[in-house]
Amino acid sequence: MDRKAVLEPFIPNQIIVHLGKPDENSRNIRIPFISYIKNVACSEIYPTWPENALRANIIAIITFTLNRIYNEWYPSRGYTYDITSLPAYDQTFIEDREIFDSISKKVDQLFNNYIYRE
């Protein structure tokens, strides 16, 4: 078996987002992974930024999210979700926010890209 194939994470279909602080009694929502990335990207970056800035930030958002999922950051601490919606803990996620078309298209192009180290 190819060692690289074993080490690389796969992109999950869904993610569970906690809509509040970790210990706060808030709702958890299950959404498609790509929808989460689009929402965070639209919440944290501007669609008018230069192409390379958009690419770098989207890849950073994907990488951070995968890190939380694959290290089981919250489940290992007894929580029933993958990530919170707050930038003080994770990344900004706003339920039902508008998704900018240009960022949505860029995420569609990049959502299988992430940074990892062996």
Protein backbone atom coordinates (compact mmCIF):
# COMPACT_ATOMS: atom_id res chain seq x y z
CA MET A 1 0.00 0.00 0.00
CA ASP A 2 1.23 3.50 -0.83
CA ARG A 3 2.42 5.11 2.44
CA LYS A 4 1.32 8.56 1.27
CA ALA A 5 -2.24 7.32 0.66
CA VAL A 6 -2.41 6.01 4.23
CA LEU A 7 -1.27 9.31 5.78
CA GLU A 8 -3.47 11.69 3.84
CA PRO A 9 -6.88 12.46 5.35
CA PHE A 10 -9.96 12.27 3.21
CA ILE A 11 -12.42 15.13 2.97
CA PRO A 12 -15.48 14.26 5.08
CA ASN A 13 -18.98 14.64 3.68
CA GLN A 14 -20.35 16.39 6.77
CA ILE A 15 -19.25 18.30 9.83
CA ILE A 16 -21.01 18.99 13.13
CA VAL A 17 -20.82 22.65 14.16
CA HIS A 18 -21.59 23.82 17.70
CA LEU A 19 -23.26 27.24 17.54
CA GLY A 20 -21.66 28.69 20.66
CA LYS A 21 -18.83 28.40 23.17
CA PRO A 22 -17.62 24.87 23.91
CA ASP A 23 -19.35 24.60 27.30
CA GLU A 24 -22.39 26.64 26.27
CA ASN A 25 -25.74 24.88 25.87
CA SER A 26 -26.12 25.69 22.16
CA ARG A 27 -27.43 23.83 19.15
CA ASN A 28 -25.25 21.51 17.09
CA ILE A 29 -25.93 21.44 13.37
CA ARG A 30 -24.76 18.87 10.83
CA ILE A 31 -23.95 20.37 7.44
CA PRO A 32 -21.98 19.39 4.34
CA PHE A 33 -18.26 19.97 4.79
CA ILE A 34 -18.05 22.12 1.66
CA SER A 35 -20.94 24.30 2.89
CA TYR A 36 -19.09 24.85 6.15
CA ILE A 37 -15.93 25.90 4.28
CA LYS A 38 -17.90 28.30 2.04
CA ASN A 39 -19.62 29.84 5.07
CA VAL A 40 -16.38 30.35 6.99
CA ALA A 41 -14.63 31.74 3.92
CA CYS A 42 -17.45 34.24 3.38
CA SER A 43 -17.32 35.15 7.07
CA GLU A 44 -13.57 35.65 7.28
CA ILE A 45 -12.33 36.90 3.90
CA TYR A 46 -13.47 39.42 1.30
CA PRO A 47 -14.30 38.34 -2.25
CA THR A 48 -12.42 41.40 -3.55
CA TRP A 49 -9.06 40.19 -2.21
CA PRO A 50 -6.35 39.21 -4.72
CA GLU A 51 -6.58 35.70 -6.16
CA ASN A 52 -3.56 34.39 -4.24
CA ALA A 53 -4.92 35.74 -0.94
CA LEU A 54 -8.25 34.00 -1.54
CA ARG A 55 -6.54 30.71 -2.40
CA ALA A 56 -4.21 30.86 0.61
CA ASN A 57 -7.01 31.68 3.05
CA ILE A 58 -9.37 29.01 1.72
CA ILE A 59 -6.65 26.37 1.94
CA ALA A 60 -5.87 27.53 5.50
CA ILE A 61 -9.58 27.28 6.44
CA ILE A 62 -9.78 23.74 5.01
CA THR A 63 -6.54 22.71 6.72
CA PHE A 64 -7.58 24.07 10.13
CA THR A 65 -10.96 22.36 9.87
CA LEU A 66 -9.45 19.01 8.91
CA ASN A 67 -7.02 19.33 11.81
CA ARG A 68 -9.92 19.75 14.25
CA ILE A 69 -11.73 16.76 12.75
CA TYR A 70 -8.83 14.32 12.48
CA ASN A 71 -7.32 15.14 15.84
CA GLU A 72 -10.82 14.81 17.35
CA TRP A 73 -10.14 18.03 19.23
CA TYR A 74 -13.64 18.32 20.73
CA PRO A 75 -14.77 14.66 20.82
CA SER A 76 -11.59 13.75 22.74
CA ARG A 77 -12.74 16.23 25.39
CA GLY A 78 -16.21 14.71 25.65
CA TYR A 79 -18.08 17.00 23.23
CA THR A 80 -20.43 15.71 20.53
CA TYR A 81 -19.35 18.05 17.74
CA ASP A 82 -16.36 18.69 15.48
CA ILE A 83 -15.91 22.46 15.72
CA THR A 84 -17.48 25.60 17.18
CA SER A 85 -18.83 28.61 15.31
CA LEU A 86 -16.79 31.17 17.22
CA PRO A 87 -13.45 32.68 16.15
CA ALA A 88 -12.29 32.85 19.77
CA TYR A 89 -12.09 29.02 19.61
CA ASP A 90 -12.13 28.07 15.94
CA GLN A 91 -13.38 29.95 12.85
CA THR A 92 -16.29 32.29 12.21
CA PHE A 93 -19.38 30.37 11.08
CA ILE A 94 -22.71 32.21 10.75
CA GLU A 95 -25.75 30.01 10.30
CA ASP A 96 -27.80 30.88 7.18
CA ARG A 97 -25.38 33.58 6.02
CA GLU A 98 -25.18 34.72 2.40
CA ILE A 99 -22.53 32.90 0.37
CA PHE A 100 -20.69 35.03 -2.18
CA ASP A 101 -20.73 33.43 -5.62
CA SER A 102 -17.05 34.16 -6.33
CA ILE A 103 -15.92 32.57 -3.04
CA SER A 104 -18.26 29.62 -3.55
CA LYS A 105 -16.69 28.93 -6.94
CA LYS A 106 -13.18 29.25 -5.51
CA VAL A 107 -14.00 26.78 -2.70
CA ASP A 108 -15.42 24.36 -5.29
CA GLN A 109 -12.05 24.51 -7.06
CA LEU A 110 -9.97 24.11 -3.89
CA PHE A 111 -11.91 22.01 -1.38
CA ASN A 112 -9.70 18.94 -1.90
CA ASN A 113 -6.54 20.95 -1.15
CA TYR A 114 -5.01 21.17 2.29
CA ILE A 115 -1.65 21.32 4.01
CA TYR A 116 -0.36 18.32 5.88
CA ARG A 117 2.92 17.16 7.27
CA GLU A 118 4.16 13.63 7.62
